[in-house]
N, C-alpha and C. Protein backbone atom coordinates (compact mmCIF):
# COMPACT_ATOMS: atom_id res chain seq x y z
N UNK A 1 20.89 41.53 17.67
CA UNK A 1 20.70 40.53 18.73
C UNK A 1 20.83 39.27 18.38
N UNK A 2 22.04 38.67 19.08
CA UNK A 2 22.26 37.21 18.89
C UNK A 2 21.26 36.28 19.28
N UNK A 3 21.42 35.28 18.52
CA UNK A 3 20.28 34.17 19.13
C UNK A 3 20.94 33.26 20.27
N UNK A 4 20.11 32.90 21.19
CA UNK A 4 20.58 32.37 22.44
C UNK A 4 20.80 30.84 22.00
N UNK A 5 20.07 30.32 21.14
CA UNK A 5 20.23 28.95 20.71
C UNK A 5 21.53 28.76 19.94
N UNK A 6 21.95 29.54 18.83
CA UNK A 6 22.98 29.44 18.21
C UNK A 6 23.62 30.90 17.88
N UNK A 7 24.53 31.12 18.97
CA UNK A 7 25.12 32.29 19.40
C UNK A 7 26.19 32.92 18.19
N UNK A 8 26.80 32.03 17.70
CA UNK A 8 27.93 32.31 16.69
C UNK A 8 27.52 32.10 15.18
N UNK A 9 27.89 32.83 14.39
CA UNK A 9 27.82 32.85 13.08
C UNK A 9 28.11 31.47 12.38
N UNK A 10 29.16 30.82 13.01
CA UNK A 10 29.64 29.43 12.36
C UNK A 10 28.64 28.44 12.84
N UNK A 11 27.85 28.52 13.99
CA UNK A 11 27.08 27.58 14.39
C UNK A 11 25.69 27.81 13.56
N UNK A 12 25.47 28.85 13.12
CA UNK A 12 24.19 29.41 12.34
C UNK A 12 24.38 28.69 10.97
N UNK A 13 25.57 28.90 10.39
CA UNK A 13 25.89 28.25 9.22
C UNK A 13 25.78 26.75 9.16
N UNK A 14 26.48 26.18 10.25
CA UNK A 14 26.32 24.62 10.31
C UNK A 14 25.01 24.09 10.28
N UNK A 15 24.33 24.77 11.28
CA UNK A 15 22.81 24.37 11.55
C UNK A 15 22.05 24.71 10.13
N UNK A 16 22.33 25.59 9.35
CA UNK A 16 21.56 25.70 7.95
C UNK A 16 22.01 24.66 7.19
N UNK A 17 23.36 24.34 7.05
CA UNK A 17 23.85 23.15 6.16
C UNK A 17 23.16 21.97 6.53
N UNK A 18 23.17 21.66 7.79
CA UNK A 18 22.58 20.26 8.49
C UNK A 18 21.04 20.24 7.98
N UNK A 19 20.30 21.36 8.11
CA UNK A 19 18.99 21.42 7.70
C UNK A 19 19.02 21.18 6.22
N UNK A 20 19.61 21.81 5.35
CA UNK A 20 19.52 21.59 4.09
C UNK A 20 19.85 20.35 3.53
N UNK A 21 20.69 19.51 4.26
CA UNK A 21 21.19 18.38 3.85
C UNK A 21 19.85 17.44 4.30
N UNK A 22 19.33 17.60 5.51
CA UNK A 22 18.19 16.84 5.84
C UNK A 22 17.07 17.04 4.98
N UNK A 23 16.81 18.14 4.52
CA UNK A 23 15.51 18.49 3.63
C UNK A 23 15.98 17.93 2.13
N UNK A 24 17.18 17.88 1.73
CA UNK A 24 17.55 17.25 0.37
C UNK A 24 17.54 15.81 0.61
N UNK A 25 17.80 15.24 1.57
CA UNK A 25 17.70 13.67 1.81
C UNK A 25 16.25 13.35 1.92
N UNK A 26 15.41 14.13 2.39
CA UNK A 26 13.97 13.89 2.52
C UNK A 26 13.53 14.00 1.23
N UNK A 27 13.81 14.89 0.61
CA UNK A 27 13.14 15.14 -0.95
C UNK A 27 13.70 13.90 -1.77
N UNK A 28 14.70 13.64 -1.55
CA UNK A 28 15.22 12.50 -2.46
C UNK A 28 14.65 11.16 -2.10
N UNK A 29 14.26 10.99 -0.85
CA UNK A 29 13.47 9.63 -0.22
C UNK A 29 12.15 9.77 -0.97
N UNK A 30 11.43 11.01 -0.88
CA UNK A 30 10.06 11.10 -1.47
C UNK A 30 10.23 10.62 -2.95
N UNK A 31 11.05 11.28 -3.66
CA UNK A 31 11.33 11.13 -5.10
C UNK A 31 11.50 9.59 -5.47
N UNK A 32 12.63 9.03 -4.87
CA UNK A 32 12.96 7.58 -5.10
C UNK A 32 11.85 6.67 -4.56
N UNK A 33 11.22 6.86 -3.62
CA UNK A 33 10.17 5.94 -3.06
C UNK A 33 8.72 6.26 -3.87
N UNK A 34 8.35 7.26 -4.63
CA UNK A 34 7.47 7.63 -5.21
C UNK A 34 6.37 7.85 -4.33
N UNK A 35 6.52 8.41 -3.12
CA UNK A 35 5.57 8.42 -2.07
C UNK A 35 4.32 9.42 -2.52
N UNK A 36 4.64 10.24 -3.32
CA UNK A 36 3.51 11.08 -3.95
C UNK A 36 2.45 10.17 -4.65
N UNK A 37 2.74 9.30 -5.04
CA UNK A 37 2.05 8.51 -5.84
C UNK A 37 0.95 7.88 -5.04
N UNK A 38 0.93 7.54 -3.76
CA UNK A 38 0.43 6.99 -3.07
C UNK A 38 -1.10 7.64 -2.53
N UNK A 39 -1.02 8.94 -3.07
CA UNK A 39 -2.02 9.72 -2.80
C UNK A 39 -3.18 9.44 -3.90
N UNK A 40 -2.94 8.74 -4.70
CA UNK A 40 -3.89 8.35 -5.87
C UNK A 40 -4.52 7.05 -5.40
N UNK A 41 -5.51 6.59 -6.48
CA UNK A 41 -6.27 5.46 -6.42
C UNK A 41 -5.87 4.36 -7.51
N UNK A 42 -4.71 4.93 -8.22
CA UNK A 42 -4.47 4.07 -9.51
C UNK A 42 -3.64 2.63 -8.86
N UNK A 43 -4.24 1.58 -9.39
CA UNK A 43 -3.75 0.37 -9.07
C UNK A 43 -2.44 0.09 -9.18
N UNK A 44 -1.82 0.38 -10.27
CA UNK A 44 -0.32 0.43 -10.59
C UNK A 44 0.55 0.84 -9.61
N UNK A 45 0.13 1.77 -8.62
CA UNK A 45 0.77 2.43 -7.60
C UNK A 45 1.16 1.10 -6.59
N UNK A 46 0.35 0.17 -6.57
CA UNK A 46 0.70 -0.84 -5.78
C UNK A 46 1.99 -1.78 -6.10
N UNK A 47 2.25 -1.76 -7.29
CA UNK A 47 3.26 -2.60 -7.94
C UNK A 47 4.56 -1.75 -7.76
N UNK A 48 4.51 -0.49 -7.04
CA UNK A 48 5.85 0.17 -6.90
C UNK A 48 6.78 -0.83 -6.02
N UNK A 49 6.02 -1.76 -5.26
CA UNK A 49 6.70 -2.78 -4.54
C UNK A 49 6.48 -3.97 -5.33
N UNK A 50 7.57 -4.66 -5.84
CA UNK A 50 7.53 -5.82 -6.80
C UNK A 50 6.93 -6.81 -6.21
N UNK A 51 6.78 -6.93 -4.79
CA UNK A 51 6.28 -8.19 -4.33
C UNK A 51 4.82 -8.13 -4.58
N UNK A 52 4.27 -7.22 -5.01
CA UNK A 52 2.73 -7.12 -5.02
C UNK A 52 2.42 -7.31 -6.70
N UNK A 53 3.28 -7.82 -7.52
CA UNK A 53 3.03 -8.07 -8.92
C UNK A 53 2.13 -8.99 -8.88
N UNK A 54 2.32 -10.24 -8.35
CA UNK A 54 1.30 -11.47 -8.43
C UNK A 54 0.00 -10.84 -8.04
N UNK A 55 -0.29 -10.03 -7.14
CA UNK A 55 -1.42 -9.59 -6.52
C UNK A 55 -2.19 -8.66 -7.84
N UNK A 56 -1.28 -7.76 -8.24
CA UNK A 56 -1.82 -6.96 -9.49
C UNK A 56 -2.29 -7.77 -10.61
N UNK A 57 -1.20 -8.76 -10.85
CA UNK A 57 -1.84 -9.60 -12.05
C UNK A 57 -2.98 -10.35 -11.98
N UNK A 58 -3.23 -11.04 -10.77
CA UNK A 58 -4.45 -11.72 -10.49
C UNK A 58 -5.64 -10.81 -10.42
N UNK A 59 -5.56 -9.69 -10.00
CA UNK A 59 -6.56 -8.86 -9.87
C UNK A 59 -6.85 -8.36 -11.45
N UNK A 60 -5.97 -8.20 -12.20
CA UNK A 60 -6.17 -7.84 -13.75
C UNK A 60 -7.12 -8.88 -14.48
N UNK A 61 -7.07 -9.97 -14.01
CA UNK A 61 -7.88 -11.11 -14.62
C UNK A 61 -9.13 -11.41 -14.00
N UNK A 62 -9.48 -10.61 -13.06
CA UNK A 62 -10.53 -11.08 -11.89
C UNK A 62 -11.87 -10.26 -12.34
N UNK A 63 -12.90 -10.58 -11.95
CA UNK A 63 -14.10 -9.99 -11.94
C UNK A 63 -14.19 -8.54 -11.56
N UNK A 64 -13.33 -8.27 -10.56
CA UNK A 64 -13.46 -6.96 -9.91
C UNK A 64 -12.86 -6.00 -10.91
N UNK A 65 -11.64 -6.32 -11.73
CA UNK A 65 -11.03 -5.26 -12.45
C UNK A 65 -11.66 -4.10 -13.03
N UNK A 66 -13.12 -4.34 -13.64
CA UNK A 66 -13.78 -3.41 -14.30
C UNK A 66 -14.50 -2.53 -13.16
N UNK A 67 -14.79 -2.83 -12.13
CA UNK A 67 -15.61 -2.30 -11.13
C UNK A 67 -14.88 -1.86 -9.72
N UNK A 68 -13.65 -2.12 -9.37
CA UNK A 68 -13.03 -1.86 -8.33
C UNK A 68 -11.64 -1.84 -8.47
N UNK A 69 -10.87 -0.78 -7.80
CA UNK A 69 -9.37 -0.76 -7.72
C UNK A 69 -9.01 -1.30 -6.43
N UNK A 70 -7.65 -1.21 -6.16
CA UNK A 70 -7.18 -1.71 -4.87
C UNK A 70 -7.74 -0.90 -3.85
N UNK A 71 -7.90 0.16 -3.88
CA UNK A 71 -8.14 1.03 -2.89
C UNK A 71 -9.96 0.96 -2.44
N UNK A 72 -10.51 0.46 -3.26
CA UNK A 72 -11.96 -0.01 -3.19
C UNK A 72 -12.09 -0.91 -2.17
N UNK A 73 -11.35 -1.80 -2.20
CA UNK A 73 -11.32 -3.05 -1.31
C UNK A 73 -10.39 -2.72 0.08
N UNK A 74 -9.42 -2.31 -0.06
CA UNK A 74 -8.24 -2.35 0.84
C UNK A 74 -8.21 -0.91 1.81
N UNK A 75 -9.03 -0.07 1.57
CA UNK A 75 -8.90 1.11 2.33
C UNK A 75 -10.36 1.44 2.89
N UNK A 76 -10.50 2.25 4.12
CA UNK A 76 -11.88 2.41 4.57
C UNK A 76 -12.33 3.84 3.70
N UNK A 77 -13.86 3.64 3.62
CA UNK A 77 -14.66 4.73 2.89
C UNK A 77 -15.51 5.50 3.83
N UNK A 78 -15.28 5.46 5.10
CA UNK A 78 -16.06 6.21 5.91
C UNK A 78 -15.97 7.53 5.91
N UNK A 79 -14.75 8.19 5.67
CA UNK A 79 -14.35 9.35 5.49
C UNK A 79 -13.04 9.79 4.96
N UNK A 80 -12.89 10.84 4.41
CA UNK A 80 -11.38 11.14 3.63
C UNK A 80 -10.26 10.88 4.65
N UNK A 81 -10.48 11.49 5.77
CA UNK A 81 -9.48 11.33 6.90
C UNK A 81 -9.18 9.75 7.12
N UNK A 82 -10.13 8.96 7.44
CA UNK A 82 -10.01 7.62 7.76
C UNK A 82 -9.24 6.89 6.56
N UNK A 83 -9.82 7.22 5.10
CA UNK A 83 -8.92 6.60 4.05
C UNK A 83 -7.39 6.93 4.15
N UNK A 84 -7.15 8.04 4.15
CA UNK A 84 -5.43 8.55 4.26
C UNK A 84 -4.89 8.15 5.47
N UNK A 85 -5.50 8.15 6.64
CA UNK A 85 -4.88 7.82 7.85
C UNK A 85 -4.37 6.40 7.74
N UNK A 86 -5.56 5.43 7.12
CA UNK A 86 -5.22 4.12 6.91
C UNK A 86 -4.13 3.84 6.01
N UNK A 87 -4.28 4.47 4.88
CA UNK A 87 -3.24 4.26 3.92
C UNK A 87 -1.84 4.60 4.35
N UNK A 88 -1.74 5.76 5.27
CA UNK A 88 -0.50 6.15 5.69
C UNK A 88 0.08 5.07 6.60
N UNK A 89 -0.73 4.62 7.73
CA UNK A 89 -0.28 3.68 8.82
C UNK A 89 -0.10 2.27 8.10
N UNK A 90 -0.69 2.01 6.91
CA UNK A 90 -0.63 0.71 6.36
C UNK A 90 0.75 0.56 5.41
N UNK A 91 0.85 1.75 4.93
CA UNK A 91 1.99 2.05 3.88
C UNK A 91 3.30 2.14 4.88
N UNK A 92 3.26 2.64 5.97
CA UNK A 92 4.41 2.50 6.77
C UNK A 92 4.75 1.00 7.38
N UNK A 93 3.81 0.42 7.57
CA UNK A 93 3.79 -1.09 8.05
C UNK A 93 4.60 -1.74 6.91
N UNK A 94 3.80 -1.67 5.58
CA UNK A 94 4.37 -2.32 4.48
C UNK A 94 5.88 -2.01 4.08
N UNK A 95 6.11 -0.80 4.29
CA UNK A 95 7.53 -0.33 3.81
C UNK A 95 8.42 -0.80 4.92
N UNK A 96 8.21 -1.09 6.18
CA UNK A 96 9.09 -1.65 7.07
C UNK A 96 9.12 -3.20 6.85
N UNK A 97 8.07 -3.82 6.51
CA UNK A 97 7.98 -5.15 6.35
C UNK A 97 9.03 -5.55 5.08
N UNK A 98 8.70 -4.80 3.95
CA UNK A 98 9.55 -4.97 2.70
C UNK A 98 11.05 -4.72 2.72
N UNK A 99 11.27 -3.36 3.44
CA UNK A 99 12.75 -3.07 3.79
C UNK A 99 13.36 -4.03 4.44
N UNK A 100 12.81 -4.68 5.51
CA UNK A 100 13.46 -5.73 6.59
C UNK A 100 13.43 -7.05 5.82
N UNK A 101 12.79 -7.38 4.66
CA UNK A 101 12.74 -8.46 4.03
C UNK A 101 12.03 -9.61 4.86
N UNK A 102 11.11 -8.97 5.52
CA UNK A 102 10.20 -9.89 6.36
C UNK A 102 8.83 -10.38 5.64
N UNK A 103 8.73 -10.22 4.27
CA UNK A 103 7.47 -10.64 3.62
C UNK A 103 7.26 -11.82 3.48
N UNK A 104 5.98 -12.42 3.76
CA UNK A 104 5.83 -13.97 3.72
C UNK A 104 5.62 -14.38 2.13
N UNK A 105 5.93 -15.74 1.94
CA UNK A 105 5.66 -16.22 0.63
C UNK A 105 4.22 -16.04 0.25
N UNK A 106 3.28 -16.27 1.01
CA UNK A 106 1.92 -15.97 0.62
C UNK A 106 1.45 -14.92 1.74
N UNK A 107 0.99 -13.58 1.05
CA UNK A 107 0.58 -12.59 1.92
C UNK A 107 -0.77 -12.90 2.29
N UNK A 108 -0.88 -12.47 3.68
CA UNK A 108 -2.44 -12.43 4.30
C UNK A 108 -2.75 -10.99 4.89
N UNK A 109 -3.93 -10.61 4.81
CA UNK A 109 -4.32 -9.38 5.39
C UNK A 109 -4.14 -9.81 6.96
N UNK A 110 -3.72 -8.51 7.63
CA UNK A 110 -3.71 -8.50 8.94
C UNK A 110 -5.07 -8.23 9.61
N UNK A 111 -5.33 -8.40 10.75
CA UNK A 111 -6.84 -8.13 11.27
C UNK A 111 -7.37 -6.75 11.08
N UNK A 112 -6.72 -5.90 11.09
CA UNK A 112 -7.03 -4.33 10.88
C UNK A 112 -7.44 -4.24 9.38
N UNK A 113 -6.66 -4.99 8.40
CA UNK A 113 -7.24 -4.90 6.93
C UNK A 113 -8.24 -5.68 6.80
N UNK A 114 -8.49 -6.65 7.52
CA UNK A 114 -9.57 -7.81 7.28
C UNK A 114 -10.90 -7.00 7.74
N UNK A 115 -10.93 -6.16 8.62
CA UNK A 115 -11.88 -5.36 8.84
C UNK A 115 -12.25 -4.59 7.85
N UNK A 116 -11.45 -3.79 7.42
CA UNK A 116 -11.65 -2.93 6.33
C UNK A 116 -12.06 -3.60 4.97
N UNK A 117 -11.60 -4.73 4.66
CA UNK A 117 -11.85 -5.45 3.50
C UNK A 117 -13.39 -5.94 3.60
N UNK A 118 -13.67 -6.66 4.78
CA UNK A 118 -15.09 -7.03 5.04
C UNK A 118 -16.07 -6.10 4.97
N UNK A 119 -15.71 -4.83 5.49
CA UNK A 119 -16.76 -3.79 5.46
C UNK A 119 -16.98 -3.17 4.06
N UNK A 120 -15.90 -3.33 3.20
CA UNK A 120 -15.97 -2.78 1.70
C UNK A 120 -16.73 -3.94 0.98
N UNK A 121 -16.58 -5.26 1.33
CA UNK A 121 -17.49 -6.23 0.62
C UNK A 121 -18.90 -5.98 0.83
N UNK A 122 -19.32 -5.64 2.14
CA UNK A 122 -20.61 -5.35 2.46
C UNK A 122 -21.22 -4.22 1.77
N UNK A 123 -20.21 -3.27 2.02
CA UNK A 123 -20.61 -1.87 1.27
C UNK A 123 -20.99 -2.01 -0.32
N UNK A 124 -20.22 -2.69 -1.04
CA UNK A 124 -20.40 -2.81 -2.36
C UNK A 124 -21.55 -3.91 -2.70
N UNK A 125 -21.65 -5.00 -1.95
CA UNK A 125 -22.46 -5.86 -2.16
C UNK A 125 -23.63 -5.94 -1.19
N UNK A 126 -24.18 -4.74 -0.75
CA UNK A 126 -25.12 -4.82 0.23
C UNK A 126 -26.44 -5.34 -0.15
N UNK A 127 -26.93 -5.31 -1.11
CA UNK A 127 -28.25 -5.77 -1.45
C UNK A 127 -28.14 -7.23 -1.22
N UNK A 128 -26.99 -7.81 -2.10
CA UNK A 128 -26.92 -9.34 -2.02
C UNK A 128 -26.67 -9.85 -0.54
N UNK A 129 -25.85 -9.08 0.35
CA UNK A 129 -25.48 -9.45 1.66
C UNK A 129 -26.74 -9.48 2.58
N UNK A 130 -27.54 -8.30 2.45
CA UNK A 130 -28.71 -8.03 3.68
C UNK A 130 -29.78 -8.74 3.11
N UNK A 131 -30.07 -8.87 1.90
CA UNK A 131 -31.60 -9.20 1.41
C UNK A 131 -31.78 -10.76 0.93
N UNK A 132 -30.53 -11.03 0.36
CA UNK A 132 -30.68 -12.53 -0.08
C UNK A 132 -30.07 -13.39 0.64
N UNK A 133 -28.64 -13.20 1.03
CA UNK A 133 -28.02 -14.41 1.90
C UNK A 133 -28.08 -14.14 3.32
N UNK A 134 -28.52 -13.00 3.64
CA UNK A 134 -28.46 -12.50 5.05
C UNK A 134 -27.17 -12.50 5.75
N UNK A 135 -26.04 -12.06 5.19
CA UNK A 135 -24.72 -12.11 5.76
C UNK A 135 -24.37 -10.67 5.80
N UNK A 136 -23.14 -10.34 5.99
CA UNK A 136 -23.10 -8.83 6.26
C UNK A 136 -23.12 -8.33 7.54
N UNK A 137 -23.31 -9.17 8.68
CA UNK A 137 -23.64 -8.63 9.97
C UNK A 137 -22.64 -9.00 10.92
N UNK A 138 -21.35 -9.18 10.51
CA UNK A 138 -20.34 -9.49 11.54
C UNK A 138 -19.91 -8.32 12.10
N UNK A 139 -19.49 -8.51 13.38
CA UNK A 139 -18.89 -7.29 14.18
C UNK A 139 -17.30 -7.66 13.96
N UNK A 140 -16.48 -6.47 14.10
CA UNK A 140 -15.09 -6.49 14.10
C UNK A 140 -14.31 -7.57 15.16
N UNK A 141 -15.21 -7.77 16.17
CA UNK A 141 -14.65 -8.68 17.12
C UNK A 141 -14.90 -10.07 16.30
N UNK A 142 -15.90 -10.54 15.54
CA UNK A 142 -16.36 -11.64 14.98
C UNK A 142 -15.23 -11.89 14.12
N UNK A 143 -14.72 -11.07 13.29
CA UNK A 143 -13.71 -11.22 12.24
C UNK A 143 -12.46 -11.24 13.04
N UNK A 144 -11.99 -10.80 13.83
CA UNK A 144 -10.70 -10.94 14.59
C UNK A 144 -10.61 -12.23 15.33
N UNK A 145 -11.54 -12.64 15.76
CA UNK A 145 -11.49 -13.93 16.64
C UNK A 145 -11.94 -15.16 15.70
N UNK A 146 -12.37 -15.08 14.52
CA UNK A 146 -12.83 -15.89 13.61
C UNK A 146 -14.02 -16.84 14.18
N UNK A 147 -15.02 -16.09 15.02
CA UNK A 147 -15.97 -16.82 15.37
C UNK A 147 -17.18 -16.81 14.64
N UNK A 148 -17.03 -16.14 13.30
CA UNK A 148 -17.97 -16.43 12.37
C UNK A 148 -17.32 -16.39 10.95
N UNK A 149 -18.06 -16.60 9.93
CA UNK A 149 -17.48 -16.48 8.67
C UNK A 149 -17.62 -15.39 7.82
N UNK A 150 -16.46 -15.02 7.45
CA UNK A 150 -16.44 -13.73 6.55
C UNK A 150 -16.58 -14.06 5.11
N UNK A 151 -16.52 -13.01 4.24
CA UNK A 151 -16.77 -13.17 2.80
C UNK A 151 -15.87 -14.30 2.20
N UNK A 152 -14.64 -13.95 2.58
CA UNK A 152 -13.41 -14.69 2.01
C UNK A 152 -13.33 -16.04 2.34
N UNK A 153 -14.04 -16.51 3.55
CA UNK A 153 -14.28 -17.80 3.93
C UNK A 153 -14.92 -18.81 2.76
N UNK A 154 -15.82 -18.24 2.01
CA UNK A 154 -16.35 -18.81 1.04
C UNK A 154 -15.60 -18.51 -0.50
N UNK A 155 -15.47 -17.27 -0.40
CA UNK A 155 -14.87 -16.72 -1.68
C UNK A 155 -13.57 -16.55 -1.55
N UNK A 156 -12.77 -17.61 -1.40
CA UNK A 156 -11.18 -17.45 -0.94
C UNK A 156 -10.47 -17.00 -2.19
N UNK A 157 -10.84 -17.23 -3.26
CA UNK A 157 -10.15 -16.79 -4.56
C UNK A 157 -10.59 -15.62 -5.42
N UNK A 158 -11.37 -14.71 -4.59
CA UNK A 158 -11.84 -13.53 -5.12
C UNK A 158 -11.15 -12.37 -4.53
N UNK A 159 -10.42 -11.56 -5.25
CA UNK A 159 -10.30 -11.43 -6.64
C UNK A 159 -8.88 -11.73 -7.02
N UNK A 160 -8.20 -12.31 -6.15
CA UNK A 160 -6.77 -12.52 -6.23
C UNK A 160 -6.43 -14.28 -6.86
N UNK A 161 -7.22 -14.95 -6.69
CA UNK A 161 -7.10 -16.37 -7.02
C UNK A 161 -6.09 -17.05 -5.91
N UNK A 162 -5.45 -18.14 -6.41
CA UNK A 162 -4.42 -18.52 -5.49
C UNK A 162 -3.04 -18.00 -5.70
N UNK A 163 -2.75 -16.98 -4.66
CA UNK A 163 -1.42 -16.13 -5.04
C UNK A 163 -0.46 -16.24 -4.22
N UNK A 164 0.81 -16.59 -4.73
CA UNK A 164 1.96 -16.51 -3.79
C UNK A 164 2.86 -15.73 -4.67
N UNK A 165 4.02 -15.34 -4.01
CA UNK A 165 5.15 -14.70 -4.89
C UNK A 165 5.63 -15.53 -5.95
N UNK A 166 5.63 -16.87 -5.75
CA UNK A 166 6.34 -17.68 -6.92
C UNK A 166 5.08 -18.14 -7.70
N UNK A 167 3.96 -17.98 -7.20
CA UNK A 167 2.66 -18.55 -7.97
C UNK A 167 2.40 -17.92 -9.39
N UNK A 168 2.71 -16.73 -9.68
CA UNK A 168 2.60 -16.09 -11.01
C UNK A 168 3.86 -15.69 -11.72
N UNK A 169 4.78 -16.60 -11.96
CA UNK A 169 6.21 -16.16 -12.39
C UNK A 169 6.29 -15.57 -13.85
N UNK A 170 5.11 -15.83 -14.66
CA UNK A 170 5.33 -15.35 -15.94
C UNK A 170 4.01 -14.13 -16.28
N UNK A 171 3.69 -13.82 -14.91
CA UNK A 171 2.59 -12.79 -15.07
C UNK A 171 3.22 -11.30 -15.74
N UNK A 172 2.23 -10.78 -16.82
CA UNK A 172 2.87 -9.67 -17.42
C UNK A 172 2.32 -8.38 -16.31
N UNK A 173 3.28 -7.88 -15.73
CA UNK A 173 3.06 -6.69 -15.00
C UNK A 173 3.67 -5.53 -15.33
N UNK A 174 3.14 -4.31 -15.39
CA UNK A 174 3.73 -3.01 -15.97
C UNK A 174 4.59 -2.48 -14.63
N UNK A 175 5.55 -3.11 -14.30
CA UNK A 175 6.45 -2.55 -13.09
C UNK A 175 6.78 -1.13 -13.42
N UNK A 176 6.94 -0.46 -12.47
CA UNK A 176 7.15 1.04 -12.60
C UNK A 176 8.39 1.32 -13.32
N UNK A 177 8.50 2.36 -13.92
CA UNK A 177 9.98 2.86 -14.45
C UNK A 177 10.78 3.45 -13.43
N UNK A 178 12.21 2.99 -13.54
CA UNK A 178 12.97 3.54 -12.54
C UNK A 178 13.08 5.15 -12.61
N UNK A 179 13.05 5.59 -11.35
CA UNK A 179 13.32 7.16 -11.05
C UNK A 179 14.62 7.62 -11.32
N UNK A 180 15.68 6.74 -11.74
CA UNK A 180 17.03 7.24 -11.98
C UNK A 180 17.07 7.87 -13.34
N UNK A 181 17.43 9.06 -13.58
CA UNK A 181 17.65 9.50 -14.73
C UNK A 181 18.58 8.87 -15.79
N UNK A 182 18.29 8.89 -17.25
CA UNK A 182 18.79 8.24 -18.07
C UNK A 182 20.34 8.45 -18.17
N UNK A 183 20.52 9.76 -17.95
CA UNK A 183 22.04 10.27 -18.09
C UNK A 183 22.81 9.55 -17.00
N UNK A 184 22.35 9.53 -15.93
CA UNK A 184 22.88 8.72 -14.84
C UNK A 184 23.08 7.08 -14.91
N UNK A 185 22.03 6.36 -15.49
CA UNK A 185 22.04 5.07 -15.80
C UNK A 185 23.07 4.77 -16.63
N UNK A 186 23.36 5.61 -17.82
CA UNK A 186 24.31 5.36 -18.89
C UNK A 186 25.76 5.45 -18.01
N UNK A 187 25.81 6.43 -17.23
CA UNK A 187 27.04 6.44 -16.52
C UNK A 187 27.44 5.37 -15.69
N UNK A 188 26.53 4.92 -14.94
CA UNK A 188 26.56 3.62 -14.15
C UNK A 188 26.75 2.45 -14.85
N UNK A 189 26.16 2.35 -16.29
CA UNK A 189 26.43 1.10 -16.99
C UNK A 189 28.04 1.29 -17.63
N UNK A 190 28.55 2.30 -17.84
CA UNK A 190 29.81 2.40 -18.44
C UNK A 190 31.03 1.76 -17.19
N UNK A 191 30.60 2.25 -16.06
CA UNK A 191 31.60 1.59 -15.16
C UNK A 191 31.34 0.32 -14.83
């Protein structure tokens, strides 16, 4: 019985070749972009994008290094679904910005990220925020509209300091190794 969608053998072969090429390109994209590494909480994953080097370097010298990773502050912790959904959507936005070369000289969190960061400040510093200083009571609207002060309004340099792309030119950052195989790099260097 012949398929109504691909009635001839030649069309079936062509469809199989196109599907194979698409799957191969998708696998290559996942490998080259190290997309699988974003499932972890390792801070070195953030420097897969070289523009994040200064932020990684300043975090390494901060008071947060020994107690918090990038994901402890920058992704929600309400559920595993919320965490990975946020990582996926924010990661796609980052990849678009970096691919289109639209990154600013000094990066700032977008409103959605500010809400997540604020909630994580309050989560980790709950006793300080709620018993001693009586802060940690802002709503998402307060943060988005700037009607009240968020943690970073006073603690502006925690944990990244005064960071810009050109602000840490001599930072020692363990940039990721190239995924290009050694034999191929040797061939490319010969030419």
